[in-house]
Amino acid sequence: MTRQFFTLLTAATLCVSLTATAGAFANPGSTNADKSNAVSQLENRDQRLEQHVQTTTGGGRQAIVLQRRQVQQLIERIKAGESVDPREIDKLLRESPQ
């Protein structure tokens, strides 16, 4: 009985520890605000690129189409809950249409 008691006590202690650790690593609600802000900025960027595509011809148009597709894929990844490097977002927001 003593061995079973200590096994249960150890298991309970481990469960409590894991729960506390998971809570410590969970990000507060600002993460959702950050994601929605990034998605909003990227959607604005997508709209601007769409306007450039409509007024550009030739090879420059293909470069803009490529940039637009990268922005759309990044939006999809963020909405799907994937981890996205903030530098990747910044890079796409800073690139100017060709």
C-alpha atoms as a PDB file:
ATOM      1  CA  MET A   1       0.000   0.000   0.000  1.00  0.00           C
ATOM      2  CA  THR A   2       2.833   2.395   0.766  1.00  0.00           C
ATOM      3  CA  ARG A   3       4.369   1.870  -2.665  1.00  0.00           C
ATOM      4  CA  GLN A   4       1.033   2.533  -4.390  1.00  0.00           C
ATOM      5  CA  PHE A   5       0.536   5.683  -2.302  1.00  0.00           C
ATOM      6  CA  PHE A   6       3.931   7.069  -3.287  1.00  0.00           C
ATOM      7  CA  THR A   7       3.329   6.218  -6.949  1.00  0.00           C
ATOM      8  CA  LEU A   8       0.013   8.104  -6.901  1.00  0.00           C
ATOM      9  CA  LEU A   9       1.586  11.003  -5.019  1.00  0.00           C
ATOM     10  CA  THR A  10       4.413  11.217  -7.563  1.00  0.00           C
ATOM     11  CA  ALA A  11       1.974  11.068 -10.492  1.00  0.00           C
ATOM     12  CA  ALA A  12      -0.190  13.794  -8.964  1.00  0.00           C
ATOM     13  CA  THR A  13       2.843  15.997  -8.343  1.00  0.00           C
ATOM     14  CA  LEU A  14       3.958  15.534 -11.936  1.00  0.00           C
ATOM     15  CA  CYS A  15       0.511  16.453 -13.244  1.00  0.00           C
ATOM     16  CA  VAL A  16       0.402  19.610 -11.154  1.00  0.00           C
ATOM     17  CA  SER A  17       3.907  20.552 -12.301  1.00  0.00           C
ATOM     18  CA  LEU A  18       3.076  20.052 -15.959  1.00  0.00           C
ATOM     19  CA  THR A  19      -0.095  22.096 -15.641  1.00  0.00           C
ATOM     20  CA  ALA A  20       1.780  24.950 -13.995  1.00  0.00           C
ATOM     21  CA  THR A  21       4.528  24.805 -16.614  1.00  0.00           C
ATOM     22  CA  ALA A  22       2.065  24.836 -19.483  1.00  0.00           C
ATOM     23  CA  GLY A  23       0.353  27.880 -17.970  1.00  0.00           C
ATOM     24  CA  ALA A  24       3.667  29.683 -17.628  1.00  0.00           C
ATOM     25  CA  PHE A  25       4.521  29.193 -21.293  1.00  0.00           C
ATOM     26  CA  ALA A  26       1.096  30.108 -22.621  1.00  0.00           C
ATOM     27  CA  ASN A  27       1.040  33.588 -24.135  1.00  0.00           C
ATOM     28  CA  PRO A  28      -1.522  36.100 -22.946  1.00  0.00           C
ATOM     29  CA  GLY A  29      -4.358  37.345 -25.190  1.00  0.00           C
ATOM     30  CA  SER A  30      -2.068  39.843 -26.909  1.00  0.00           C
ATOM     31  CA  THR A  31      -1.000  37.081 -29.279  1.00  0.00           C
ATOM     32  CA  ASN A  32      -4.418  37.126 -30.937  1.00  0.00           C
ATOM     33  CA  ALA A  33      -4.224  40.904 -31.268  1.00  0.00           C
ATOM     34  CA  ASP A  34      -0.756  40.619 -32.795  1.00  0.00           C
ATOM     35  CA  LYS A  35      -1.970  38.003 -35.268  1.00  0.00           C
ATOM     36  CA  SER A  36      -5.000  40.030 -36.309  1.00  0.00           C
ATOM     37  CA  ASN A  37      -2.828  43.135 -36.712  1.00  0.00           C
ATOM     38  CA  ALA A  38      -0.344  41.230 -38.893  1.00  0.00           C
ATOM     39  CA  VAL A  39      -3.140  39.716 -40.985  1.00  0.00           C
ATOM     40  CA  SER A  40      -4.708  43.152 -41.430  1.00  0.00           C
ATOM     41  CA  GLN A  41      -1.420  44.665 -42.598  1.00  0.00           C
ATOM     42  CA  LEU A  42      -0.773  41.751 -44.942  1.00  0.00           C
ATOM     43  CA  GLU A  43      -4.286  41.979 -46.407  1.00  0.00           C
ATOM     44  CA  ASN A  44      -3.715  45.696 -47.082  1.00  0.00           C
ATOM     45  CA  ARG A  45      -0.417  44.793 -48.752  1.00  0.00           C
ATOM     46  CA  ASP A  46      -2.237  42.169 -50.856  1.00  0.00           C
ATOM     47  CA  GLN A  47      -4.770  44.763 -52.033  1.00  0.00           C
ATOM     48  CA  ARG A  48      -2.024  47.215 -53.006  1.00  0.00           C
ATOM     49  CA  LEU A  49      -0.187  44.514 -54.928  1.00  0.00           C
ATOM     50  CA  GLU A  50      -3.416  43.587 -56.711  1.00  0.00           C
ATOM     51  CA  GLN A  51      -3.766  47.197 -57.864  1.00  0.00           C
ATOM     52  CA  HIS A  52      -0.164  47.169 -59.129  1.00  0.00           C
ATOM     53  CA  VAL A  53      -0.778  43.911 -61.013  1.00  0.00           C
ATOM     54  CA  GLN A  54      -3.688  45.501 -62.861  1.00  0.00           C
ATOM     55  CA  THR A  55      -1.589  48.469 -64.007  1.00  0.00           C
ATOM     56  CA  THR A  56       1.693  46.657 -64.780  1.00  0.00           C
ATOM     57  CA  THR A  57       2.666  44.596 -67.802  1.00  0.00           C
ATOM     58  CA  GLY A  58       5.566  42.350 -68.751  1.00  0.00           C
ATOM     59  CA  GLY A  59       8.162  40.888 -66.417  1.00  0.00           C
ATOM     60  CA  GLY A  60       7.410  43.410 -63.696  1.00  0.00           C
ATOM     61  CA  ARG A  61       3.903  42.039 -63.496  1.00  0.00           C
ATOM     62  CA  GLN A  62       5.208  38.513 -62.854  1.00  0.00           C
ATOM     63  CA  ALA A  63       7.383  39.739 -59.978  1.00  0.00           C
ATOM     64  CA  ILE A  64       4.374  41.470 -58.415  1.00  0.00           C
ATOM     65  CA  VAL A  65       2.226  38.351 -58.876  1.00  0.00           C
ATOM     66  CA  LEU A  66       4.922  36.348 -57.088  1.00  0.00           C
ATOM     67  CA  GLN A  67       5.062  38.844 -54.200  1.00  0.00           C
ATOM     68  CA  ARG A  68       1.280  38.789 -53.939  1.00  0.00           C
ATOM     69  CA  ARG A  69       1.226  34.990 -53.778  1.00  0.00           C
ATOM     70  CA  GLN A  70       3.838  35.031 -51.005  1.00  0.00           C
ATOM     71  CA  VAL A  71       1.703  37.486 -49.025  1.00  0.00           C
ATOM     72  CA  GLN A  72      -1.404  35.330 -49.534  1.00  0.00           C
ATOM     73  CA  GLN A  73       0.421  32.187 -48.405  1.00  0.00           C
ATOM     74  CA  LEU A  74       1.664  33.962 -45.295  1.00  0.00           C
ATOM     75  CA  ILE A  75      -1.876  35.117 -44.467  1.00  0.00           C
ATOM     76  CA  GLU A  76      -3.098  31.533 -44.854  1.00  0.00           C
ATOM     77  CA  ARG A  77      -0.334  30.239 -42.564  1.00  0.00           C
ATOM     78  CA  ILE A  78      -1.144  32.793 -39.864  1.00  0.00           C
ATOM     79  CA  LYS A  79      -4.867  32.050 -40.051  1.00  0.00           C
ATOM     80  CA  ALA A  80      -4.129  28.314 -39.837  1.00  0.00           C
ATOM     81  CA  GLY A  81      -2.279  28.935 -36.569  1.00  0.00           C
ATOM     82  CA  GLU A  82       1.176  28.069 -37.860  1.00  0.00           C
ATOM     83  CA  SER A  83       4.216  29.660 -36.312  1.00  0.00           C
ATOM     84  CA  VAL A  84       5.458  32.539 -38.463  1.00  0.00           C
ATOM     85  CA  ASP A  85       8.734  34.405 -38.041  1.00  0.00           C
ATOM     86  CA  PRO A  86       8.026  38.138 -37.546  1.00  0.00           C
ATOM     87  CA  ARG A  87      11.011  38.916 -39.786  1.00  0.00           C
ATOM     88  CA  GLU A  88       9.219  37.141 -42.627  1.00  0.00           C
ATOM     89  CA  ILE A  89       6.197  39.414 -42.149  1.00  0.00           C
ATOM     90  CA  ASP A  90       8.381  42.519 -42.008  1.00  0.00           C
ATOM     91  CA  LYS A  91      10.241  41.483 -45.162  1.00  0.00           C
ATOM     92  CA  LEU A  92       7.024  41.118 -47.168  1.00  0.00           C
ATOM     93  CA  LEU A  93       5.613  44.390 -45.847  1.00  0.00           C
ATOM     94  CA  ARG A  94       8.793  46.317 -46.785  1.00  0.00           C
ATOM     95  CA  GLU A  95       9.242  44.948 -50.305  1.00  0.00           C
ATOM     96  CA  SER A  96       8.210  47.444 -52.916  1.00  0.00           C
ATOM     97  CA  PRO A  97       6.406  46.311 -56.038  1.00  0.00           C
ATOM     98  CA  GLN A  98       8.777  45.978 -58.978  1.00  0.00           C
END
